[in-house]
All heavy atoms as atom14 arrays in JSON, in Angstrom:
{
  "sequence": "LTDCCETLIAAEADLNALDAKSGDGDTGSTLANAARALITAMDDLPL",
  "atom14_mask": [
    [1, 1, 1, 1, 1, 1, 1, 1, 0, 0, 0, 0, 0, 0],
    [1, 1, 1, 1, 1, 1, 1, 0, 0, 0, 0, 0, 0, 0],
    [1, 1, 1, 1, 1, 1, 1, 1, 0, 0, 0, 0, 0, 0],
    [1, 1, 1, 1, 1, 1, 0, 0, 0, 0, 0, 0, 0, 0],
    [1, 1, 1, 1, 1, 1, 0, 0, 0, 0, 0, 0, 0, 0],
    [1, 1, 1, 1, 1, 1, 1, 1, 1, 0, 0, 0, 0, 0],
    [1, 1, 1, 1, 1, 1, 1, 0, 0, 0, 0, 0, 0, 0],
    [1, 1, 1, 1, 1, 1, 1, 1, 0, 0, 0, 0, 0, 0],
    [1, 1, 1, 1, 1, 1, 1, 1, 0, 0, 0, 0, 0, 0],
    [1, 1, 1, 1, 1, 0, 0, 0, 0, 0, 0, 0, 0, 0],
    [1, 1, 1, 1, 1, 0, 0, 0, 0, 0, 0, 0, 0, 0],
    [1, 1, 1, 1, 1, 1, 1, 1, 1, 0, 0, 0, 0, 0],
    [1, 1, 1, 1, 1, 0, 0, 0, 0, 0, 0, 0, 0, 0],
    [1, 1, 1, 1, 1, 1, 1, 1, 0, 0, 0, 0, 0, 0],
    [1, 1, 1, 1, 1, 1, 1, 1, 0, 0, 0, 0, 0, 0],
    [1, 1, 1, 1, 1, 1, 1, 1, 0, 0, 0, 0, 0, 0],
    [1, 1, 1, 1, 1, 0, 0, 0, 0, 0, 0, 0, 0, 0],
    [1, 1, 1, 1, 1, 1, 1, 1, 0, 0, 0, 0, 0, 0],
    [1, 1, 1, 1, 1, 1, 1, 1, 0, 0, 0, 0, 0, 0],
    [1, 1, 1, 1, 1, 0, 0, 0, 0, 0, 0, 0, 0, 0],
    [1, 1, 1, 1, 1, 1, 1, 1, 1, 0, 0, 0, 0, 0],
    [1, 1, 1, 1, 1, 1, 0, 0, 0, 0, 0, 0, 0, 0],
    [1, 1, 1, 1, 0, 0, 0, 0, 0, 0, 0, 0, 0, 0],
    [1, 1, 1, 1, 1, 1, 1, 1, 0, 0, 0, 0, 0, 0],
    [1, 1, 1, 1, 0, 0, 0, 0, 0, 0, 0, 0, 0, 0],
    [1, 1, 1, 1, 1, 1, 1, 1, 0, 0, 0, 0, 0, 0],
    [1, 1, 1, 1, 1, 1, 1, 0, 0, 0, 0, 0, 0, 0],
    [1, 1, 1, 1, 0, 0, 0, 0, 0, 0, 0, 0, 0, 0],
    [1, 1, 1, 1, 1, 1, 0, 0, 0, 0, 0, 0, 0, 0],
    [1, 1, 1, 1, 1, 1, 1, 0, 0, 0, 0, 0, 0, 0],
    [1, 1, 1, 1, 1, 1, 1, 1, 0, 0, 0, 0, 0, 0],
    [1, 1, 1, 1, 1, 0, 0, 0, 0, 0, 0, 0, 0, 0],
    [1, 1, 1, 1, 1, 1, 1, 1, 0, 0, 0, 0, 0, 0],
    [1, 1, 1, 1, 1, 0, 0, 0, 0, 0, 0, 0, 0, 0],
    [1, 1, 1, 1, 1, 0, 0, 0, 0, 0, 0, 0, 0, 0],
    [1, 1, 1, 1, 1, 1, 1, 1, 1, 1, 1, 0, 0, 0],
    [1, 1, 1, 1, 1, 0, 0, 0, 0, 0, 0, 0, 0, 0],
    [1, 1, 1, 1, 1, 1, 1, 1, 0, 0, 0, 0, 0, 0],
    [1, 1, 1, 1, 1, 1, 1, 1, 0, 0, 0, 0, 0, 0],
    [1, 1, 1, 1, 1, 1, 1, 0, 0, 0, 0, 0, 0, 0],
    [1, 1, 1, 1, 1, 0, 0, 0, 0, 0, 0, 0, 0, 0],
    [1, 1, 1, 1, 1, 1, 1, 1, 0, 0, 0, 0, 0, 0],
    [1, 1, 1, 1, 1, 1, 1, 1, 0, 0, 0, 0, 0, 0],
    [1, 1, 1, 1, 1, 1, 1, 1, 0, 0, 0, 0, 0, 0],
    [1, 1, 1, 1, 1, 1, 1, 1, 0, 0, 0, 0, 0, 0],
    [1, 1, 1, 1, 1, 1, 1, 0, 0, 0, 0, 0, 0, 0],
    [1, 1, 1, 1, 1, 1, 1, 1, 0, 0, 0, 0, 0, 0]
  ],
  "atom14_positions": [
    [[-26.54, 21.77, 20.09], [-26.31, 20.49, 19.56], [-27.09, 20.34, 18.12], [-26.52, 19.81, 17.14], [-26.87, 19.51, 20.45], [-25.99, 19.02, 21.68], [-26.68, 17.91, 22.43], [-24.65, 18.45, 21.14], [0.0, 0.0, 0.0], [0.0, 0.0, 0.0], [0.0, 0.0, 0.0], [0.0, 0.0, 0.0], [0.0, 0.0, 0.0], [0.0, 0.0, 0.0]],
    [[-28.26, 20.95, 18.14], [-29.02, 20.84, 16.86], [-28.31, 21.59, 15.78], [-28.24, 21.06, 14.66], [-30.44, 21.44, 17.14], [-31.1, 20.67, 18.15], [-31.22, 21.34, 15.76], [0.0, 0.0, 0.0], [0.0, 0.0, 0.0], [0.0, 0.0, 0.0], [0.0, 0.0, 0.0], [0.0, 0.0, 0.0], [0.0, 0.0, 0.0], [0.0, 0.0, 0.0]],
    [[-27.77, 22.76, 16.11], [-26.98, 23.43, 15.03], [-25.8, 22.68, 14.56], [-25.46, 22.73, 13.42], [-26.58, 24.86, 15.74], [-26.09, 25.76, 14.69], [-26.65, 25.85, 13.61], [-25.08, 26.5, 14.91], [0.0, 0.0, 0.0], [0.0, 0.0, 0.0], [0.0, 0.0, 0.0], [0.0, 0.0, 0.0], [0.0, 0.0, 0.0], [0.0, 0.0, 0.0]],
    [[-25.11, 22.13, 15.47], [-23.87, 21.25, 15.14], [-24.37, 20.08, 14.13], [-23.64, 19.88, 13.14], [-23.2, 20.71, 16.31], [-22.28, 21.89, 17.35], [0.0, 0.0, 0.0], [0.0, 0.0, 0.0], [0.0, 0.0, 0.0], [0.0, 0.0, 0.0], [0.0, 0.0, 0.0], [0.0, 0.0, 0.0], [0.0, 0.0, 0.0], [0.0, 0.0, 0.0]],
    [[-25.53, 19.49, 14.63], [-25.97, 18.37, 13.76], [-26.37, 18.85, 12.38], [-26.02, 18.28, 11.27], [-27.19, 17.76, 14.41], [-26.72, 16.78, 15.85], [0.0, 0.0, 0.0], [0.0, 0.0, 0.0], [0.0, 0.0, 0.0], [0.0, 0.0, 0.0], [0.0, 0.0, 0.0], [0.0, 0.0, 0.0], [0.0, 0.0, 0.0], [0.0, 0.0, 0.0]],
    [[-27.03, 20.0, 12.25], [-27.39, 20.55, 10.98], [-26.2, 20.92, 10.15], [-26.32, 20.75, 8.79], [-28.39, 21.73, 11.16], [-29.83, 21.27, 11.69], [-30.69, 22.4, 12.05], [-30.14, 23.55, 12.03], [-31.85, 22.17, 12.27], [0.0, 0.0, 0.0], [0.0, 0.0, 0.0], [0.0, 0.0, 0.0], [0.0, 0.0, 0.0], [0.0, 0.0, 0.0]],
    [[-25.14, 21.4, 10.75], [-23.95, 21.66, 10.03], [-23.45, 20.4, 9.38], [-22.97, 20.43, 8.21], [-22.93, 22.18, 10.99], [-23.41, 23.5, 11.49], [-21.63, 22.58, 10.24], [0.0, 0.0, 0.0], [0.0, 0.0, 0.0], [0.0, 0.0, 0.0], [0.0, 0.0, 0.0], [0.0, 0.0, 0.0], [0.0, 0.0, 0.0], [0.0, 0.0, 0.0]],
    [[-23.35, 19.29, 9.99], [-22.86, 18.02, 9.46], [-23.77, 17.53, 8.35], [-23.33, 16.95, 7.39], [-22.65, 17.01, 10.56], [-21.55, 17.28, 11.55], [-21.59, 16.26, 12.69], [-20.27, 17.24, 10.89], [0.0, 0.0, 0.0], [0.0, 0.0, 0.0], [0.0, 0.0, 0.0], [0.0, 0.0, 0.0], [0.0, 0.0, 0.0], [0.0, 0.0, 0.0]],
    [[-25.03, 17.72, 8.56], [-26.07, 17.24, 7.49], [-25.85, 18.06, 6.26], [-25.8, 17.43, 5.22], [-27.49, 17.4, 7.96], [-27.61, 16.35, 9.18], [-28.49, 17.16, 6.92], [-28.96, 16.58, 10.04], [0.0, 0.0, 0.0], [0.0, 0.0, 0.0], [0.0, 0.0, 0.0], [0.0, 0.0, 0.0], [0.0, 0.0, 0.0], [0.0, 0.0, 0.0]],
    [[-25.67, 19.26, 6.41], [-25.46, 20.18, 5.27], [-24.22, 19.85, 4.46], [-24.06, 20.15, 3.23], [-25.41, 21.74, 5.65], [0.0, 0.0, 0.0], [0.0, 0.0, 0.0], [0.0, 0.0, 0.0], [0.0, 0.0, 0.0], [0.0, 0.0, 0.0], [0.0, 0.0, 0.0], [0.0, 0.0, 0.0], [0.0, 0.0, 0.0], [0.0, 0.0, 0.0]],
    [[-23.17, 19.36, 5.15], [-21.82, 19.01, 4.58], [-21.85, 17.6, 3.96], [-20.72, 17.17, 3.39], [-20.79, 19.13, 5.56], [0.0, 0.0, 0.0], [0.0, 0.0, 0.0], [0.0, 0.0, 0.0], [0.0, 0.0, 0.0], [0.0, 0.0, 0.0], [0.0, 0.0, 0.0], [0.0, 0.0, 0.0], [0.0, 0.0, 0.0], [0.0, 0.0, 0.0]],
    [[-22.96, 16.9, 4.03], [-22.89, 15.48, 3.54], [-22.37, 15.22, 2.23], [-21.5, 14.43, 2.01], [-24.39, 14.99, 3.65], [-24.49, 13.47, 3.25], [-25.86, 12.85, 3.36], [-26.73, 13.62, 3.85], [-26.07, 11.82, 3.11], [0.0, 0.0, 0.0], [0.0, 0.0, 0.0], [0.0, 0.0, 0.0], [0.0, 0.0, 0.0], [0.0, 0.0, 0.0]],
    [[-22.84, 15.93, 1.12], [-22.32, 15.72, -0.13], [-20.94, 16.08, -0.39], [-20.24, 15.25, -0.98], [-23.23, 16.55, -1.08], [0.0, 0.0, 0.0], [0.0, 0.0, 0.0], [0.0, 0.0, 0.0], [0.0, 0.0, 0.0], [0.0, 0.0, 0.0], [0.0, 0.0, 0.0], [0.0, 0.0, 0.0], [0.0, 0.0, 0.0], [0.0, 0.0, 0.0]],
    [[-20.5, 17.25, 0.23], [-19.05, 17.59, 0.04], [-18.16, 16.62, 0.71], [-17.14, 16.31, 0.21], [-18.86, 18.94, 0.75], [-19.55, 20.15, 0.01], [-19.93, 19.9, -1.27], [-19.63, 21.2, 0.51], [0.0, 0.0, 0.0], [0.0, 0.0, 0.0], [0.0, 0.0, 0.0], [0.0, 0.0, 0.0], [0.0, 0.0, 0.0], [0.0, 0.0, 0.0]],
    [[-18.52, 16.12, 1.89], [-17.74, 15.18, 2.65], [-17.67, 13.79, 1.9], [-16.6, 13.12, 1.85], [-18.16, 14.97, 3.99], [-18.06, 16.2, 4.93], [-18.68, 15.98, 6.35], [-16.54, 16.58, 4.99], [0.0, 0.0, 0.0], [0.0, 0.0, 0.0], [0.0, 0.0, 0.0], [0.0, 0.0, 0.0], [0.0, 0.0, 0.0], [0.0, 0.0, 0.0]],
    [[-18.73, 13.44, 1.34], [-18.8, 12.18, 0.46], [-17.9, 12.29, -0.63], [-17.22, 11.34, -1.01], [-20.21, 11.8, 0.03], [-21.09, 11.21, 1.13], [-20.48, 10.65, 2.04], [-22.33, 11.2, 0.97], [0.0, 0.0, 0.0], [0.0, 0.0, 0.0], [0.0, 0.0, 0.0], [0.0, 0.0, 0.0], [0.0, 0.0, 0.0], [0.0, 0.0, 0.0]],
    [[-17.85, 13.42, -1.29], [-17.09, 13.61, -2.53], [-15.56, 13.58, -2.12], [-14.84, 13.11, -2.87], [-17.39, 15.04, -3.14], [0.0, 0.0, 0.0], [0.0, 0.0, 0.0], [0.0, 0.0, 0.0], [0.0, 0.0, 0.0], [0.0, 0.0, 0.0], [0.0, 0.0, 0.0], [0.0, 0.0, 0.0], [0.0, 0.0, 0.0], [0.0, 0.0, 0.0]],
    [[-15.26, 14.2, -1.03], [-13.87, 14.0, -0.5], [-13.5, 12.6, -0.16], [-12.45, 12.21, -0.6], [-13.65, 14.88, 0.78], [-13.19, 16.38, 0.62], [-12.99, 16.99, 2.01], [-11.86, 16.44, -0.18], [0.0, 0.0, 0.0], [0.0, 0.0, 0.0], [0.0, 0.0, 0.0], [0.0, 0.0, 0.0], [0.0, 0.0, 0.0], [0.0, 0.0, 0.0]],
    [[-14.42, 11.89, 0.51], [-14.1, 10.51, 0.81], [-13.9, 9.69, -0.41], [-13.13, 8.57, -0.39], [-15.17, 10.02, 1.83], [-14.74, 8.7, 2.43], [-13.57, 8.55, 2.59], [-15.67, 7.93, 2.68], [0.0, 0.0, 0.0], [0.0, 0.0, 0.0], [0.0, 0.0, 0.0], [0.0, 0.0, 0.0], [0.0, 0.0, 0.0], [0.0, 0.0, 0.0]],
    [[-14.65, 10.01, -1.52], [-14.6, 9.2, -2.63], [-13.12, 9.19, -3.23], [-12.78, 8.31, -3.97], [-15.6, 9.68, -3.77], [0.0, 0.0, 0.0], [0.0, 0.0, 0.0], [0.0, 0.0, 0.0], [0.0, 0.0, 0.0], [0.0, 0.0, 0.0], [0.0, 0.0, 0.0], [0.0, 0.0, 0.0], [0.0, 0.0, 0.0], [0.0, 0.0, 0.0]],
    [[-12.32, 10.25, -2.85], [-11.02, 10.35, -3.36], [-10.07, 9.4, -2.64], [-8.99, 9.09, -3.21], [-10.52, 11.83, -3.26], [-11.4, 12.88, -3.9], [-11.42, 12.76, -5.38], [-12.08, 14.05, -6.02], [-12.18, 13.86, -7.49], [0.0, 0.0, 0.0], [0.0, 0.0, 0.0], [0.0, 0.0, 0.0], [0.0, 0.0, 0.0], [0.0, 0.0, 0.0]],
    [[-10.37, 9.21, -1.39], [-9.44, 8.35, -0.54], [-10.1, 7.17, 0.19], [-9.43, 6.55, 0.98], [-8.92, 9.39, 0.51], [-9.93, 9.87, 1.35], [0.0, 0.0, 0.0], [0.0, 0.0, 0.0], [0.0, 0.0, 0.0], [0.0, 0.0, 0.0], [0.0, 0.0, 0.0], [0.0, 0.0, 0.0], [0.0, 0.0, 0.0], [0.0, 0.0, 0.0]],
    [[-11.42, 6.97, -0.05], [-12.02, 5.86, 0.64], [-13.25, 5.32, -0.16], [-13.18, 5.22, -1.23], [0.0, 0.0, 0.0], [0.0, 0.0, 0.0], [0.0, 0.0, 0.0], [0.0, 0.0, 0.0], [0.0, 0.0, 0.0], [0.0, 0.0, 0.0], [0.0, 0.0, 0.0], [0.0, 0.0, 0.0], [0.0, 0.0, 0.0], [0.0, 0.0, 0.0]],
    [[-14.39, 5.05, 0.57], [-15.52, 4.48, -0.1], [-16.67, 5.45, -0.23], [-17.76, 5.17, -0.58], [-15.93, 3.27, 0.67], [-16.18, 3.48, 2.28], [-15.93, 4.78, 2.62], [-16.45, 2.62, 2.91], [0.0, 0.0, 0.0], [0.0, 0.0, 0.0], [0.0, 0.0, 0.0], [0.0, 0.0, 0.0], [0.0, 0.0, 0.0], [0.0, 0.0, 0.0]],
    [[-16.38, 6.85, -0.05], [-17.36, 7.75, -0.45], [-18.53, 7.95, 0.49], [-19.62, 8.35, 0.13], [0.0, 0.0, 0.0], [0.0, 0.0, 0.0], [0.0, 0.0, 0.0], [0.0, 0.0, 0.0], [0.0, 0.0, 0.0], [0.0, 0.0, 0.0], [0.0, 0.0, 0.0], [0.0, 0.0, 0.0], [0.0, 0.0, 0.0], [0.0, 0.0, 0.0]],
    [[-18.43, 7.5, 1.81], [-19.56, 7.54, 2.71], [-19.36, 8.33, 3.96], [-20.3, 8.3, 4.88], [-19.92, 6.14, 3.06], [-18.91, 5.39, 3.95], [-17.74, 5.98, 4.09], [-19.22, 4.4, 4.51], [0.0, 0.0, 0.0], [0.0, 0.0, 0.0], [0.0, 0.0, 0.0], [0.0, 0.0, 0.0], [0.0, 0.0, 0.0], [0.0, 0.0, 0.0]],
    [[-18.3, 8.99, 4.07], [-18.03, 9.76, 5.38], [-19.09, 10.8, 5.6], [-19.58, 10.88, 6.73], [-16.65, 10.45, 5.33], [-15.61, 9.47, 5.33], [-16.45, 11.33, 6.57], [0.0, 0.0, 0.0], [0.0, 0.0, 0.0], [0.0, 0.0, 0.0], [0.0, 0.0, 0.0], [0.0, 0.0, 0.0], [0.0, 0.0, 0.0], [0.0, 0.0, 0.0]],
    [[-19.52, 11.52, 4.63], [-20.51, 12.53, 4.79], [-21.91, 11.9, 5.17], [-22.58, 12.36, 6.02], [0.0, 0.0, 0.0], [0.0, 0.0, 0.0], [0.0, 0.0, 0.0], [0.0, 0.0, 0.0], [0.0, 0.0, 0.0], [0.0, 0.0, 0.0], [0.0, 0.0, 0.0], [0.0, 0.0, 0.0], [0.0, 0.0, 0.0], [0.0, 0.0, 0.0]],
    [[-22.2, 10.78, 4.61], [-23.5, 10.09, 4.96], [-23.54, 9.48, 6.3], [-24.42, 9.57, 6.94], [-23.75, 8.98, 3.85], [-23.91, 9.6, 2.54], [0.0, 0.0, 0.0], [0.0, 0.0, 0.0], [0.0, 0.0, 0.0], [0.0, 0.0, 0.0], [0.0, 0.0, 0.0], [0.0, 0.0, 0.0], [0.0, 0.0, 0.0], [0.0, 0.0, 0.0]],
    [[-22.36, 8.91, 6.62], [-22.15, 8.38, 7.98], [-22.4, 9.4, 9.12], [-23.16, 9.27, 9.99], [-20.84, 7.72, 8.13], [-20.59, 6.66, 7.15], [-20.6, 7.13, 9.59], [0.0, 0.0, 0.0], [0.0, 0.0, 0.0], [0.0, 0.0, 0.0], [0.0, 0.0, 0.0], [0.0, 0.0, 0.0], [0.0, 0.0, 0.0], [0.0, 0.0, 0.0]],
    [[-21.69, 10.49, 8.88], [-21.87, 11.72, 9.96], [-23.3, 12.31, 9.92], [-23.82, 12.55, 10.9], [-20.78, 12.73, 9.65], [-19.32, 12.36, 9.92], [-18.35, 13.29, 9.4], [-19.13, 12.14, 11.49], [0.0, 0.0, 0.0], [0.0, 0.0, 0.0], [0.0, 0.0, 0.0], [0.0, 0.0, 0.0], [0.0, 0.0, 0.0], [0.0, 0.0, 0.0]],
    [[-23.76, 12.45, 8.66], [-25.09, 12.97, 8.5], [-26.11, 12.12, 9.16], [-27.15, 12.54, 9.86], [-25.48, 13.35, 7.06], [0.0, 0.0, 0.0], [0.0, 0.0, 0.0], [0.0, 0.0, 0.0], [0.0, 0.0, 0.0], [0.0, 0.0, 0.0], [0.0, 0.0, 0.0], [0.0, 0.0, 0.0], [0.0, 0.0, 0.0], [0.0, 0.0, 0.0]],
    [[-26.08, 10.78, 8.93], [-27.03, 9.87, 9.52], [-27.12, 9.95, 11.0], [-28.07, 9.86, 11.67], [-26.94, 8.52, 8.94], [-27.26, 8.33, 7.53], [-27.98, 9.17, 7.02], [-26.7, 7.34, 6.86], [0.0, 0.0, 0.0], [0.0, 0.0, 0.0], [0.0, 0.0, 0.0], [0.0, 0.0, 0.0], [0.0, 0.0, 0.0], [0.0, 0.0, 0.0]],
    [[-25.84, 9.98, 11.51], [-25.62, 10.03, 13.07], [-26.19, 11.43, 13.54], [-26.88, 11.32, 14.61], [-24.08, 9.85, 13.33], [0.0, 0.0, 0.0], [0.0, 0.0, 0.0], [0.0, 0.0, 0.0], [0.0, 0.0, 0.0], [0.0, 0.0, 0.0], [0.0, 0.0, 0.0], [0.0, 0.0, 0.0], [0.0, 0.0, 0.0], [0.0, 0.0, 0.0]],
    [[-25.94, 12.39, 12.86], [-26.63, 13.72, 13.24], [-28.1, 13.7, 13.34], [-28.71, 14.18, 14.19], [-26.08, 14.86, 12.29], [0.0, 0.0, 0.0], [0.0, 0.0, 0.0], [0.0, 0.0, 0.0], [0.0, 0.0, 0.0], [0.0, 0.0, 0.0], [0.0, 0.0, 0.0], [0.0, 0.0, 0.0], [0.0, 0.0, 0.0], [0.0, 0.0, 0.0]],
    [[-28.62, 13.09, 12.23], [-30.04, 12.98, 12.11], [-30.63, 12.15, 13.35], [-31.69, 12.52, 13.86], [-30.54, 12.41, 10.88], [-30.28, 13.23, 9.51], [-30.81, 12.61, 8.25], [-30.47, 13.41, 7.1], [-29.37, 13.11, 6.32], [-28.74, 11.98, 6.57], [-29.17, 13.83, 5.34], [0.0, 0.0, 0.0], [0.0, 0.0, 0.0], [0.0, 0.0, 0.0]],
    [[-29.87, 11.13, 13.64], [-30.35, 10.19, 14.81], [-30.24, 10.98, 16.08], [-31.07, 10.91, 17.0], [-29.47, 8.98, 14.8], [0.0, 0.0, 0.0], [0.0, 0.0, 0.0], [0.0, 0.0, 0.0], [0.0, 0.0, 0.0], [0.0, 0.0, 0.0], [0.0, 0.0, 0.0], [0.0, 0.0, 0.0], [0.0, 0.0, 0.0], [0.0, 0.0, 0.0]],
    [[-29.33, 11.85, 16.2], [-29.02, 12.67, 17.46], [-30.22, 13.65, 17.64], [-30.7, 13.87, 18.66], [-27.68, 13.34, 17.37], [-27.01, 13.54, 18.79], [-26.96, 12.41, 19.76], [-25.65, 14.25, 18.56], [0.0, 0.0, 0.0], [0.0, 0.0, 0.0], [0.0, 0.0, 0.0], [0.0, 0.0, 0.0], [0.0, 0.0, 0.0], [0.0, 0.0, 0.0]],
    [[-30.55, 14.28, 16.44], [-31.62, 15.2, 16.54], [-32.95, 14.49, 17.02], [-33.66, 15.05, 17.88], [-31.82, 16.01, 15.19], [-30.66, 16.79, 14.92], [-33.06, 16.66, 15.12], [-30.64, 17.49, 13.5], [0.0, 0.0, 0.0], [0.0, 0.0, 0.0], [0.0, 0.0, 0.0], [0.0, 0.0, 0.0], [0.0, 0.0, 0.0], [0.0, 0.0, 0.0]],
    [[-33.12, 13.45, 16.5], [-34.35, 12.65, 16.73], [-34.38, 12.15, 18.33], [-35.46, 12.14, 18.93], [-34.43, 11.31, 15.91], [-34.56, 11.69, 14.51], [-35.68, 10.34, 16.25], [0.0, 0.0, 0.0], [0.0, 0.0, 0.0], [0.0, 0.0, 0.0], [0.0, 0.0, 0.0], [0.0, 0.0, 0.0], [0.0, 0.0, 0.0], [0.0, 0.0, 0.0]],
    [[-33.12, 11.85, 18.79], [-33.08, 11.48, 20.14], [-33.02, 12.63, 21.26], [-32.84, 12.34, 22.31], [-31.83, 10.6, 20.38], [0.0, 0.0, 0.0], [0.0, 0.0, 0.0], [0.0, 0.0, 0.0], [0.0, 0.0, 0.0], [0.0, 0.0, 0.0], [0.0, 0.0, 0.0], [0.0, 0.0, 0.0], [0.0, 0.0, 0.0], [0.0, 0.0, 0.0]],
    [[-33.14, 13.85, 20.73], [-32.82, 14.98, 21.58], [-33.65, 15.06, 22.93], [-33.24, 15.32, 23.93], [-32.97, 16.35, 20.69], [-32.26, 17.45, 21.32], [-30.42, 17.36, 21.23], [-30.22, 17.61, 19.36], [0.0, 0.0, 0.0], [0.0, 0.0, 0.0], [0.0, 0.0, 0.0], [0.0, 0.0, 0.0], [0.0, 0.0, 0.0], [0.0, 0.0, 0.0]],
    [[-34.94, 14.62, 22.73], [-35.81, 14.7, 23.86], [-35.48, 13.69, 24.92], [-35.9, 13.84, 26.09], [-37.3, 14.34, 23.48], [-37.91, 15.56, 22.64], [-37.38, 16.67, 22.79], [-38.88, 15.28, 21.92], [0.0, 0.0, 0.0], [0.0, 0.0, 0.0], [0.0, 0.0, 0.0], [0.0, 0.0, 0.0], [0.0, 0.0, 0.0], [0.0, 0.0, 0.0]],
    [[-34.64, 12.7, 24.63], [-34.24, 11.69, 25.61], [-32.82, 11.82, 26.19], [-32.35, 11.13, 26.89], [-34.31, 10.31, 24.93], [-35.59, 9.96, 24.41], [-36.68, 10.25, 25.04], [-35.76, 9.32, 23.26], [0.0, 0.0, 0.0], [0.0, 0.0, 0.0], [0.0, 0.0, 0.0], [0.0, 0.0, 0.0], [0.0, 0.0, 0.0], [0.0, 0.0, 0.0]],
    [[-32.19, 13.03, 25.79], [-30.84, 13.33, 26.24], [-30.88, 14.08, 27.54], [-31.73, 15.0, 27.83], [-30.01, 13.95, 25.27], [-29.74, 13.22, 23.94], [-29.02, 14.16, 22.99], [-29.15, 11.94, 24.19], [0.0, 0.0, 0.0], [0.0, 0.0, 0.0], [0.0, 0.0, 0.0], [0.0, 0.0, 0.0], [0.0, 0.0, 0.0], [0.0, 0.0, 0.0]],
    [[-29.88, 13.85, 28.45], [-29.72, 14.65, 29.69], [-28.98, 15.93, 29.32], [-27.86, 16.29, 29.69], [-28.8, 13.8, 30.54], [-28.01, 13.0, 29.61], [-28.81, 12.85, 28.32], [0.0, 0.0, 0.0], [0.0, 0.0, 0.0], [0.0, 0.0, 0.0], [0.0, 0.0, 0.0], [0.0, 0.0, 0.0], [0.0, 0.0, 0.0], [0.0, 0.0, 0.0]],
    [[-29.71, 16.91, 28.69], [-29.12, 18.18, 28.21], [-28.62, 19.14, 29.32], [-27.82, 19.87, 29.02], [-30.12, 18.94, 27.22], [-30.72, 18.09, 26.04], [-31.71, 18.84, 25.32], [-29.43, 17.75, 25.05], [0.0, 0.0, 0.0], [0.0, 0.0, 0.0], [0.0, 0.0, 0.0], [0.0, 0.0, 0.0], [0.0, 0.0, 0.0], [0.0, 0.0, 0.0]]
  ]
}
C-alpha cells in the first residue's frame, strides 16, 4: 500500500499537467493528498 501511495505522489505534477488540458488541473494533487493521508493512517488500518 505504501508503495502504491508513493507512486501516486510521485505522479502528482504530471497528472496535474494532464488535467489542466481537460479540467481544473488538480487530479494529481487530489490523488497525492489522498495517498499522503492513507500513509498517515496506515497504523490504524486492518492490514
